[in-house]
Amino acid sequence: MSVQTTIIPHSQQPLVTRTYPSEQELDGFITIASKAQKTWSKVPLKERIAIGYKFIDEFKALSEDLPMELTLQMGRPVSQCAGEVRGFLDRANYMLSIAESALADVSLADTDKPGFRRYIKRTPLGVVLVVAPWNYPYLVSINAVLPAIIAGNAVILKPSPQTPLTAERFALALTRAGVPKDIIQVVHMSPALTSHAVQHPSVDFVSFTGSVIGGRAVEEAAVQAKGFKGVGLELGGKDPAYVRPDADLNYTIGELVDGALFNSGQSCCAIERIYVHEAVYDAFVEGYVKLVKGYKLGDPTLPETNLGPVVSLASAERIRKQVSDAVKAGAKTLIPEDLFPMAKVGTTYVAPQVLVDVNHSMDVMMEETFGPIVGIQKVSSDEEAIKLMNDSPYGLTASVWTNASANPTSEEAFLKFVDELETGTVFLNRCDFLDPALAWTGVKDSGRGVSLSKFGYDQLTRAKSVHMKIKTS
């Protein structure tokens, strides 16, 4: 019998242990879900939505203990974890508010010929396997789990071994609200069991959020399965920002420091590389470094800490190596190591770092860091910025910082970036944010598929066309 143990990042002590099922037990869970889904899909949509709103109340009742519990699992400062709970509820509310319209039949009555009636139904897929990550376990899982259930699917939720309690709390609130227990099952799985579940003939769709390597493994497992099943992949990022010469520097610096350091940079849409126009480069770097130096790295359970550990010793070692390799290749570090004495080799505490004299021959500007590190590179034009921002294997988000409200030509310049950037989202004067009304998607190695917005419901259902000839004579 195999088990997984969650290690508290900052103390390296065990927190909780969970047991993996056998393959036969896993098959049984999936079979039960498939049978239950056929009944659940017949529950009227308005009733499913009403249960969804009751779920929000049930989750709120659990939420007081969630911030510290989340901190112990993945290391984010406790002062910042309540924000994830709020974001979770905001997304749930929005996806419920659009469910009726997003899942409604598409009528073609306006174009029907006499004697005919045509429309398109949105039909649930069946059993959806959701593989959730550890870095934002609530925020990411809500994107797929709740819309899938509201659309009439059953869900097998596989949480990260680092954050097993988050999925259990999520499922508890759902079942207390009235979702049948066989419709939302939390199953802890090893990589081998996850592949087995992906290949199971009764799993109809897989929603995966995680690394590129993990996404490839899921895709390969799905290809090897009998039949054809959908796979949604939300993978990594190396998200760029460009600071134009007319940007409001005080505002921009604060936003981009937060965008790079929040959650210790452990976000697929964290700012990892910044391109700054030469006209404001020196002032930007000076202000950026000053703000980073004021961060407090430490025990994430303390309220004054605003920068916690990274998730694991292996992650810390990989991040330090990326910085070291960049320095050996000619990059310059601007944050003295002695400012953050807790950031010692052999711990999960990694000091924030700002690198200049960087270029695209360095991994720190090309490969995902997933840590509190940012490279800043000088550019001379919008065209150079666009070229460098697109010179990446990833394409999740990008942000442009310019005073568009005061200068119409700046807005025109921004719209050129919108057209030319190879990303799923383009921001103006903000970053590292998901609006549930907008489709969350990526290109290149950032994956494929979509969550949130109306299009998130489209991914979790299929179109069924109904073509009726009413008059036969």
Protein backbone atom coordinates (compact mmCIF):
# COMPACT_ATOMS: atom_id res chain seq x y z
CA MET A 1 0.00 0.00 0.00
CA SER A 2 1.54 3.32 -1.11
CA VAL A 3 1.20 6.57 0.81
CA GLN A 4 2.06 10.21 0.32
CA THR A 5 3.23 12.55 3.07
CA THR A 6 2.90 16.31 2.88
CA ILE A 7 6.01 18.10 4.16
CA ILE A 8 5.59 21.59 5.67
CA PRO A 9 7.88 23.76 3.50
CA HIS A 10 9.31 26.07 6.17
CA SER A 11 9.90 23.46 8.88
CA GLN A 12 10.41 20.34 6.74
CA GLN A 13 8.19 18.43 9.19
CA PRO A 14 5.42 16.04 8.09
CA LEU A 15 1.90 17.46 8.12
CA VAL A 16 -0.51 14.79 6.86
CA THR A 17 -0.33 11.41 5.17
CA ARG A 18 -2.75 9.99 2.64
CA THR A 19 -3.05 6.47 1.21
CA TYR A 20 -3.26 5.71 -2.50
CA PRO A 21 -5.94 3.33 -3.75
CA SER A 22 -5.13 0.23 -5.75
CA GLU A 23 -5.83 0.29 -9.49
CA GLN A 24 -8.92 -1.83 -8.85
CA GLU A 25 -10.19 0.60 -6.22
CA LEU A 26 -9.54 3.54 -8.55
CA ASP A 27 -11.47 1.79 -11.33
CA GLY A 28 -14.33 1.36 -8.88
CA PHE A 29 -14.38 5.08 -8.04
CA ILE A 30 -14.51 5.99 -11.72
CA THR A 31 -17.27 3.46 -12.46
CA ILE A 32 -19.35 4.81 -9.58
CA ALA A 33 -18.85 8.35 -10.88
CA SER A 34 -19.94 7.34 -14.37
CA LYS A 35 -23.16 5.77 -13.09
CA ALA A 36 -23.92 8.71 -10.80
CA GLN A 37 -23.35 11.22 -13.58
CA LYS A 38 -26.20 9.83 -15.64
CA THR A 39 -28.61 10.65 -12.80
CA TRP A 40 -27.01 13.99 -11.94
CA SER A 41 -27.22 15.21 -15.54
CA LYS A 42 -31.02 14.83 -15.36
CA VAL A 43 -31.29 17.21 -12.39
CA PRO A 44 -32.66 20.49 -13.81
CA LEU A 45 -29.97 23.11 -14.39
CA LYS A 46 -31.68 25.62 -12.09
CA GLU A 47 -31.53 23.10 -9.25
CA ARG A 48 -27.84 22.44 -9.88
CA ILE A 49 -27.18 26.19 -9.84
CA ALA A 50 -29.12 26.58 -6.57
CA ILE A 51 -26.93 23.86 -5.03
CA GLY A 52 -23.93 25.79 -6.32
CA TYR A 53 -24.98 28.91 -4.43
CA LYS A 54 -25.56 26.86 -1.30
CA PHE A 55 -22.03 25.49 -1.75
CA ILE A 56 -20.68 29.04 -1.51
CA ASP A 57 -22.34 29.42 1.89
CA GLU A 58 -21.00 26.06 3.05
CA PHE A 59 -17.48 26.95 1.95
CA LYS A 60 -17.65 30.30 3.75
CA ALA A 61 -18.52 28.40 6.92
CA LEU A 62 -15.26 26.46 6.60
CA SER A 63 -13.09 29.38 5.58
CA GLU A 64 -11.87 30.67 8.95
CA ASP A 65 -9.31 27.88 9.36
CA LEU A 66 -8.24 27.70 5.72
CA PRO A 67 -5.48 30.39 5.60
CA MET A 68 -3.23 28.78 8.21
CA GLU A 69 -3.97 25.31 6.88
CA LEU A 70 -2.94 26.46 3.40
CA THR A 71 0.23 28.10 4.74
CA LEU A 72 1.31 24.86 6.40
CA GLN A 73 0.75 22.92 3.20
CA MET A 74 2.50 25.11 0.63
CA GLY A 75 4.32 27.91 2.46
CA ARG A 76 2.61 31.13 1.39
CA PRO A 77 2.54 33.76 4.19
CA VAL A 78 -0.66 33.39 6.18
CA SER A 79 -1.38 37.10 5.74
CA GLN A 80 -1.83 36.46 2.00
CA CYS A 81 -3.84 33.22 2.06
CA ALA A 82 -7.24 34.75 2.83
CA GLY A 83 -7.01 36.41 -0.58
CA GLU A 84 -7.06 33.03 -2.28
CA VAL A 85 -10.23 32.11 -0.40
CA ARG A 86 -11.87 35.39 -1.50
CA GLY A 87 -10.79 34.82 -5.09
CA PHE A 88 -12.16 31.28 -4.97
CA LEU A 89 -15.57 32.58 -3.88
CA ASP A 90 -15.55 35.40 -6.45
CA ARG A 91 -14.90 32.94 -9.28
CA ALA A 92 -17.56 30.56 -7.98
CA ASN A 93 -20.10 33.39 -7.87
CA TYR A 94 -19.31 34.53 -11.38
CA MET A 95 -19.38 31.08 -12.96
CA LEU A 96 -22.73 30.40 -11.29
CA SER A 97 -24.10 33.76 -12.46
CA ILE A 98 -23.46 32.91 -16.14
CA ALA A 99 -24.28 29.20 -15.98
CA GLU A 100 -27.86 29.45 -17.18
CA SER A 101 -27.00 31.53 -20.24
CA ALA A 102 -23.74 29.69 -21.01
CA LEU A 103 -25.45 26.28 -20.91
CA ALA A 104 -28.70 27.30 -22.60
CA ASP A 105 -29.78 25.83 -25.92
CA VAL A 106 -28.70 27.88 -28.92
CA SER A 107 -31.88 28.59 -30.83
CA LEU A 108 -31.90 29.05 -34.59
CA ALA A 109 -35.58 29.98 -34.76
CA ASP A 110 -34.85 33.28 -36.51
CA THR A 111 -33.40 31.47 -39.49
CA ASP A 112 -35.62 28.37 -39.54
CA LYS A 113 -37.59 27.67 -42.71
CA PRO A 114 -41.32 26.89 -42.40
CA GLY A 115 -41.82 23.35 -41.18
CA PHE A 116 -38.39 23.07 -39.54
CA ARG A 117 -36.98 23.64 -36.06
CA ARG A 118 -33.27 23.61 -35.22
CA TYR A 119 -31.24 24.22 -32.09
CA ILE A 120 -27.95 23.24 -30.43
CA LYS A 121 -27.82 21.73 -26.94
CA ARG A 122 -24.90 21.85 -24.50
CA THR A 123 -24.46 18.28 -23.25
CA PRO A 124 -22.21 17.22 -20.35
CA LEU A 125 -19.17 15.14 -21.23
CA GLY A 126 -19.50 12.54 -18.47
CA VAL A 127 -16.65 12.02 -16.00
CA VAL A 128 -14.06 14.81 -15.74
CA LEU A 129 -10.70 14.14 -14.12
CA VAL A 130 -9.31 17.35 -12.60
CA VAL A 131 -5.60 17.28 -11.73
CA ALA A 132 -4.95 20.33 -9.55
CA PRO A 133 -1.66 22.04 -8.64
CA TRP A 134 -0.28 23.06 -5.25
CA ASN A 135 0.59 26.73 -5.82
CA TYR A 136 -3.01 28.03 -5.96
CA PRO A 137 -4.99 24.88 -5.15
CA TYR A 138 -8.30 26.60 -4.44
CA LEU A 139 -8.12 29.22 -7.19
CA VAL A 140 -7.21 26.73 -9.89
CA SER A 141 -9.51 23.87 -8.92
CA ILE A 142 -12.59 26.12 -8.79
CA ASN A 143 -12.00 26.97 -12.47
CA ALA A 144 -12.81 23.41 -13.55
CA VAL A 145 -14.54 21.55 -10.71
CA LEU A 146 -17.57 23.76 -10.10
CA PRO A 147 -18.37 24.48 -13.79
CA ALA A 148 -18.01 20.77 -14.59
CA ILE A 149 -20.48 19.80 -11.88
CA ILE A 150 -22.95 22.57 -12.72
CA ALA A 151 -22.82 21.48 -16.38
CA GLY A 152 -23.92 17.98 -15.33
CA ASN A 153 -20.62 16.12 -15.17
CA ALA A 154 -19.13 13.99 -12.39
CA VAL A 155 -15.65 14.96 -11.15
CA ILE A 156 -12.70 12.95 -9.90
CA LEU A 157 -10.48 15.53 -8.18
CA LYS A 158 -6.82 14.64 -7.79
CA PRO A 159 -5.04 17.24 -5.63
CA SER A 160 -1.30 17.77 -5.43
CA PRO A 161 0.40 15.71 -2.70
CA GLN A 162 1.52 19.07 -1.30
CA THR A 163 -2.04 20.35 -0.75
CA PRO A 164 -4.32 17.35 -0.15
CA LEU A 165 -6.50 19.09 2.43
CA THR A 166 -7.66 21.75 -0.02
CA ALA A 167 -9.48 19.25 -2.22
CA GLU A 168 -11.03 17.57 0.80
CA ARG A 169 -12.39 20.90 2.09
CA PHE A 170 -13.72 21.74 -1.38
CA ALA A 171 -15.52 18.41 -1.70
CA LEU A 172 -16.90 18.62 1.84
CA ALA A 173 -18.56 21.97 1.10
CA LEU A 174 -19.99 20.62 -2.16
CA THR A 175 -21.54 17.54 -0.56
CA ARG A 176 -22.91 19.55 2.37
CA ALA A 177 -24.61 21.77 -0.20
CA GLY A 178 -26.31 18.82 -1.86
CA VAL A 179 -23.91 17.56 -4.53
CA PRO A 180 -24.06 13.73 -4.41
CA LYS A 181 -20.88 12.26 -2.93
CA ASP A 182 -20.31 10.12 -6.02
CA ILE A 183 -20.35 13.24 -8.21
CA ILE A 184 -17.35 14.80 -6.45
CA GLN A 185 -14.75 12.29 -5.33
CA VAL A 186 -11.31 13.30 -4.07
CA VAL A 187 -8.78 10.62 -4.96
CA HIS A 188 -5.10 10.89 -4.03
CA MET A 189 -2.96 9.32 -6.75
CA SER A 190 0.63 8.61 -7.65
CA PRO A 191 1.83 9.57 -11.15
CA ALA A 192 1.26 5.98 -12.28
CA LEU A 193 -2.30 5.95 -10.90
CA THR A 194 -2.96 9.32 -12.54
CA SER A 195 -1.94 7.89 -15.92
CA HIS A 196 -4.18 4.92 -15.26
CA ALA A 197 -7.11 7.23 -14.55
CA VAL A 198 -6.42 9.30 -17.66
CA GLN A 199 -6.56 6.11 -19.75
CA HIS A 200 -9.72 4.76 -18.12
CA PRO A 201 -12.47 4.39 -20.76
CA SER A 202 -15.06 6.05 -18.50
CA VAL A 203 -12.99 9.22 -18.02
CA ASP A 204 -14.22 11.54 -20.75
CA PHE A 205 -12.12 14.66 -20.20
CA VAL A 206 -8.95 15.58 -18.30
CA SER A 207 -8.31 19.08 -16.93
CA PHE A 208 -4.65 19.34 -15.93
CA THR A 209 -2.82 22.31 -14.41
CA GLY A 210 0.87 21.97 -13.72
CA SER A 211 4.28 21.75 -15.34
CA VAL A 212 5.04 21.25 -19.01
CA ILE A 213 6.56 17.86 -18.19
CA GLY A 214 3.42 16.83 -16.32
CA GLY A 215 1.22 18.08 -19.14
CA ARG A 216 3.14 16.04 -21.70
CA ALA A 217 2.72 12.94 -19.53
CA VAL A 218 -1.04 13.49 -19.35
CA GLU A 219 -1.26 14.09 -23.10
CA GLU A 220 0.73 10.93 -23.86
CA ALA A 221 -1.44 8.86 -21.54
CA ALA A 222 -4.59 10.20 -23.22
CA VAL A 223 -3.23 9.38 -26.67
CA GLN A 224 -2.51 5.80 -25.58
CA ALA A 225 -6.05 5.34 -24.26
CA LYS A 226 -8.71 3.61 -26.33
CA GLY A 227 -10.95 6.05 -28.13
CA PHE A 228 -10.52 9.81 -28.15
CA LYS A 229 -10.86 12.03 -25.10
CA GLY A 230 -10.39 15.73 -24.56
CA VAL A 231 -7.50 17.14 -22.58
CA GLY A 232 -7.21 20.70 -21.26
CA LEU A 233 -3.66 21.69 -20.34
CA GLU A 234 -2.84 24.80 -18.31
CA LEU A 235 0.94 24.74 -18.03
CA GLY A 236 3.88 27.02 -17.34
CA GLY A 237 4.72 30.60 -18.12
CA LYS A 238 7.65 32.97 -18.45
CA ASP A 239 5.51 36.04 -18.35
CA PRO A 240 7.02 39.30 -19.61
CA ALA A 241 6.29 42.94 -18.83
CA TYR A 242 7.25 45.95 -20.92
CA VAL A 243 7.61 49.42 -19.39
CA ARG A 244 7.15 52.16 -21.98
CA PRO A 245 8.78 55.60 -21.49
CA ASP A 246 5.48 57.26 -20.49
CA ALA A 247 4.61 54.73 -17.77
CA ASP A 248 3.72 55.94 -14.27
CA LEU A 249 6.87 54.59 -12.65
CA ASN A 250 5.79 54.72 -9.01
CA TYR A 251 2.66 52.73 -9.76
CA THR A 252 4.35 50.40 -12.25
CA ILE A 253 7.25 49.52 -9.97
CA GLY A 254 4.95 48.57 -7.11
CA GLU A 255 2.74 46.42 -9.31
CA LEU A 256 5.64 44.62 -10.98
CA VAL A 257 7.44 43.90 -7.71
CA ASP A 258 4.24 42.37 -6.36
CA GLY A 259 3.71 40.53 -9.65
CA ALA A 260 7.15 38.96 -9.36
CA LEU A 261 7.34 38.24 -5.62
CA PHE A 262 3.80 37.39 -4.49
CA ASN A 263 3.62 33.71 -3.49
CA SER A 264 7.42 33.73 -3.82
CA GLY A 265 6.98 33.95 -7.58
CA GLN A 266 5.32 30.54 -7.63
CA SER A 267 2.64 31.33 -10.17
CA CYS A 268 2.35 30.39 -13.82
CA CYS A 269 1.52 34.04 -14.56
CA ALA A 270 4.09 35.65 -12.24
CA ILE A 271 6.28 38.34 -13.77
CA GLU A 272 9.62 36.68 -14.52
CA ARG A 273 11.19 39.06 -17.07
CA ILE A 274 10.86 42.81 -17.51
CA TYR A 275 11.83 44.88 -20.54
CA VAL A 276 12.24 48.60 -19.83
CA HIS A 277 12.61 51.40 -22.36
CA GLU A 278 16.07 52.96 -22.15
CA ALA A 279 14.57 56.39 -21.41
CA VAL A 280 13.33 55.22 -17.98
CA TYR A 281 15.52 52.17 -17.41
CA ASP A 282 17.83 53.59 -14.71
CA ALA A 283 14.99 55.16 -12.70
CA PHE A 284 12.91 52.00 -12.95
CA VAL A 285 15.71 49.70 -11.80
CA GLU A 286 16.61 51.99 -8.89
CA GLY A 287 13.03 52.12 -7.64
CA TYR A 288 12.46 48.40 -8.21
CA VAL A 289 15.53 47.36 -6.21
CA LYS A 290 14.64 49.71 -3.37
CA LEU A 291 11.20 48.15 -3.00
CA VAL A 292 12.48 44.56 -3.15
CA LYS A 293 15.00 45.29 -0.41
CA GLY A 294 12.12 46.11 1.94
CA TYR A 295 10.50 42.67 1.78
CA LYS A 296 10.44 40.50 4.92
CA LEU A 297 11.47 36.90 4.24
CA GLY A 298 10.63 34.57 7.08
CA ASP A 299 8.33 32.18 8.87
CA PRO A 300 5.09 32.22 6.85
CA THR A 301 2.93 31.64 9.92
CA LEU A 302 3.88 35.07 11.29
CA PRO A 303 1.63 37.99 10.28
CA GLU A 304 4.52 40.36 9.48
CA THR A 305 6.07 38.03 6.88
CA ASN A 306 5.33 38.97 3.27
CA LEU A 307 7.75 36.57 1.56
CA GLY A 308 7.72 32.92 2.53
CA PRO A 309 9.69 29.84 1.54
CA VAL A 310 9.42 28.10 -1.79
CA VAL A 311 7.62 24.79 -1.80
CA SER A 312 10.52 22.34 -1.50
CA LEU A 313 14.26 21.91 -1.07
CA ALA A 314 14.53 20.71 -4.67
CA SER A 315 12.76 23.83 -5.93
CA ALA A 316 15.02 26.09 -3.87
CA GLU A 317 18.13 24.38 -5.24
CA ARG A 318 16.90 24.70 -8.84
CA ILE A 319 16.14 28.42 -8.43
CA ARG A 320 19.54 29.14 -6.89
CA LYS A 321 21.24 27.32 -9.75
CA GLN A 322 19.38 29.38 -12.34
CA VAL A 323 20.62 32.59 -10.69
CA SER A 324 24.15 31.24 -10.32
CA ASP A 325 24.28 30.19 -13.97
CA ALA A 326 23.10 33.64 -15.06
CA VAL A 327 25.82 35.34 -12.99
CA LYS A 328 28.47 33.06 -14.49
CA ALA A 329 27.19 34.07 -17.94
CA GLY A 330 27.54 37.80 -17.17
CA ALA A 331 24.39 38.84 -15.29
CA LYS A 332 24.68 41.14 -12.29
CA THR A 333 22.74 40.72 -9.03
CA LEU A 334 21.42 43.89 -7.35
CA ILE A 335 20.11 42.49 -4.05
CA PRO A 336 22.87 41.79 -1.44
CA GLU A 337 22.57 38.29 -0.01
CA ASP A 338 23.10 39.48 3.58
CA LEU A 339 19.80 41.37 3.50
CA PHE A 340 18.00 38.03 3.78
CA PRO A 341 20.01 35.90 6.26
CA MET A 342 17.35 33.16 6.39
CA ALA A 343 18.00 32.30 2.74
CA LYS A 344 20.61 29.63 3.34
CA VAL A 345 21.57 26.74 1.12
CA GLY A 346 19.84 23.61 2.37
CA THR A 347 16.64 25.46 3.30
CA THR A 348 13.50 26.37 1.36
CA TYR A 349 14.08 30.06 1.98
CA VAL A 350 15.18 31.76 -1.24
CA ALA A 351 16.13 35.44 -1.23
CA PRO A 352 14.45 37.69 -3.78
CA GLN A 353 16.83 38.71 -6.53
CA VAL A 354 16.91 41.29 -9.30
CA LEU A 355 19.23 40.56 -12.22
CA VAL A 356 20.43 43.04 -14.85
CA ASP A 357 22.83 42.64 -17.78
CA VAL A 358 20.72 39.66 -18.76
CA ASN A 359 19.96 38.32 -22.24
CA HIS A 360 18.11 35.49 -23.92
CA SER A 361 21.07 33.12 -23.86
CA MET A 362 20.37 32.69 -20.13
CA ASP A 363 17.82 30.27 -18.67
CA VAL A 364 16.70 32.99 -16.24
CA MET A 365 15.17 34.82 -19.22
CA MET A 366 13.94 31.76 -21.12
CA GLU A 367 12.97 28.95 -18.73
CA GLU A 368 10.33 29.14 -16.02
CA THR A 369 11.87 30.05 -12.64
CA PHE A 370 8.87 29.68 -10.30
CA GLY A 371 10.71 31.65 -7.66
CA PRO A 372 11.21 35.24 -6.38
CA ILE A 373 13.64 36.14 -9.17
CA VAL A 374 13.29 38.62 -12.02
CA GLY A 375 15.55 39.68 -14.88
CA ILE A 376 15.39 43.26 -16.20
CA GLN A 377 16.58 44.05 -19.72
CA LYS A 378 16.90 47.43 -21.46
CA VAL A 379 15.22 47.97 -24.85
CA SER A 380 15.16 50.89 -27.26
CA SER A 381 11.73 50.56 -28.89
CA ASP A 382 8.31 48.93 -28.85
CA GLU A 383 9.39 46.74 -31.75
CA GLU A 384 12.38 45.39 -29.83
CA ALA A 385 10.15 44.74 -26.81
CA ILE A 386 7.62 42.79 -28.89
CA LYS A 387 10.37 40.69 -30.42
CA LEU A 388 11.86 39.80 -27.04
CA MET A 389 8.51 39.20 -25.37
CA ASN A 390 7.63 36.70 -28.11
CA ASP A 391 11.06 35.05 -27.98
CA SER A 392 9.91 32.41 -25.51
CA PRO A 393 8.68 28.81 -25.53
CA TYR A 394 5.77 30.03 -23.37
CA GLY A 395 2.74 32.19 -24.10
CA LEU A 396 0.47 32.65 -21.09
CA THR A 397 0.24 36.37 -20.26
CA ALA A 398 2.10 39.57 -21.02
CA SER A 399 1.68 43.09 -19.67
CA VAL A 400 2.35 46.55 -21.10
CA TRP A 401 2.75 49.58 -18.86
CA THR A 402 1.97 52.94 -20.41
CA ASN A 403 -0.09 56.06 -19.69
CA ALA A 404 -2.88 55.26 -22.10
CA SER A 405 -5.47 57.42 -20.30
CA ALA A 406 -3.47 60.61 -20.89
CA ASN A 407 -2.11 59.85 -24.34
CA PRO A 408 -4.26 58.38 -27.15
CA THR A 409 -1.15 57.30 -29.07
CA SER A 410 -0.16 55.14 -26.08
CA GLU A 411 -3.44 53.26 -26.33
CA GLU A 412 -2.83 52.78 -30.05
CA ALA A 413 0.61 51.42 -29.23
CA PHE A 414 -0.89 49.04 -26.69
CA LEU A 415 -3.37 47.70 -29.24
CA LYS A 416 -0.44 46.85 -31.49
CA PHE A 417 0.93 44.70 -28.66
CA VAL A 418 -2.49 43.05 -28.34
CA ASP A 419 -2.33 42.06 -32.00
CA GLU A 420 1.28 40.92 -32.08
CA LEU A 421 1.98 39.27 -28.72
CA GLU A 422 1.80 35.46 -28.74
CA THR A 423 -0.02 35.02 -25.45
CA GLY A 424 -3.39 34.01 -24.08
CA THR A 425 -3.89 37.29 -22.18
CA VAL A 426 -2.51 40.80 -22.71
CA PHE A 427 -2.72 43.20 -19.77
CA LEU A 428 -2.51 46.98 -19.71
CA ASN A 429 -1.16 48.39 -16.43
CA ARG A 430 -1.81 45.25 -14.41
CA CYS A 431 -0.50 41.69 -14.20
CA ASP A 432 -0.78 38.35 -12.41
CA PHE A 433 -4.59 38.47 -12.27
CA LEU A 434 -7.44 36.32 -13.55
CA ASP A 435 -10.78 37.94 -14.32
CA PRO A 436 -13.37 35.12 -14.34
CA ALA A 437 -15.32 36.88 -17.10
CA LEU A 438 -12.33 36.47 -19.43
CA ALA A 439 -11.11 33.22 -20.95
CA TRP A 440 -7.98 31.85 -19.26
CA THR A 441 -5.88 30.20 -21.93
CA GLY A 442 -2.36 29.94 -23.29
CA VAL A 443 -0.37 29.17 -26.41
CA LYS A 444 2.89 27.34 -27.16
CA ASP A 445 4.22 25.48 -24.08
CA SER A 446 1.73 27.26 -21.84
CA GLY A 447 -0.76 24.66 -23.01
CA ARG A 448 -4.12 24.52 -24.70
CA GLY A 449 -7.72 24.58 -23.67
CA VAL A 450 -9.60 27.22 -21.72
CA SER A 451 -11.17 27.80 -18.33
CA LEU A 452 -13.37 30.52 -16.83
CA SER A 453 -15.82 32.68 -18.81
CA LYS A 454 -18.48 31.20 -21.10
CA PHE A 455 -15.72 29.34 -22.93
CA GLY A 456 -14.91 27.42 -19.76
CA TYR A 457 -18.38 25.88 -19.91
CA ASP A 458 -17.91 25.16 -23.61
CA GLN A 459 -14.81 23.07 -22.80
CA LEU A 460 -16.73 20.99 -20.25
CA THR A 461 -19.68 20.22 -22.53
CA ARG A 462 -20.20 19.15 -26.12
CA ALA A 463 -22.51 20.50 -28.74
CA LYS A 464 -25.44 18.31 -29.77
CA SER A 465 -27.40 19.52 -32.79
CA VAL A 466 -31.15 18.94 -33.06
CA HIS A 467 -32.65 19.16 -36.55
CA MET A 468 -36.43 18.74 -36.70
CA LYS A 469 -38.58 18.53 -39.79
CA ILE A 470 -42.03 19.26 -38.40
CA LYS A 471 -44.05 19.04 -41.60
CA THR A 472 -43.53 15.99 -43.81
CA SER A 473 -46.00 16.87 -46.54
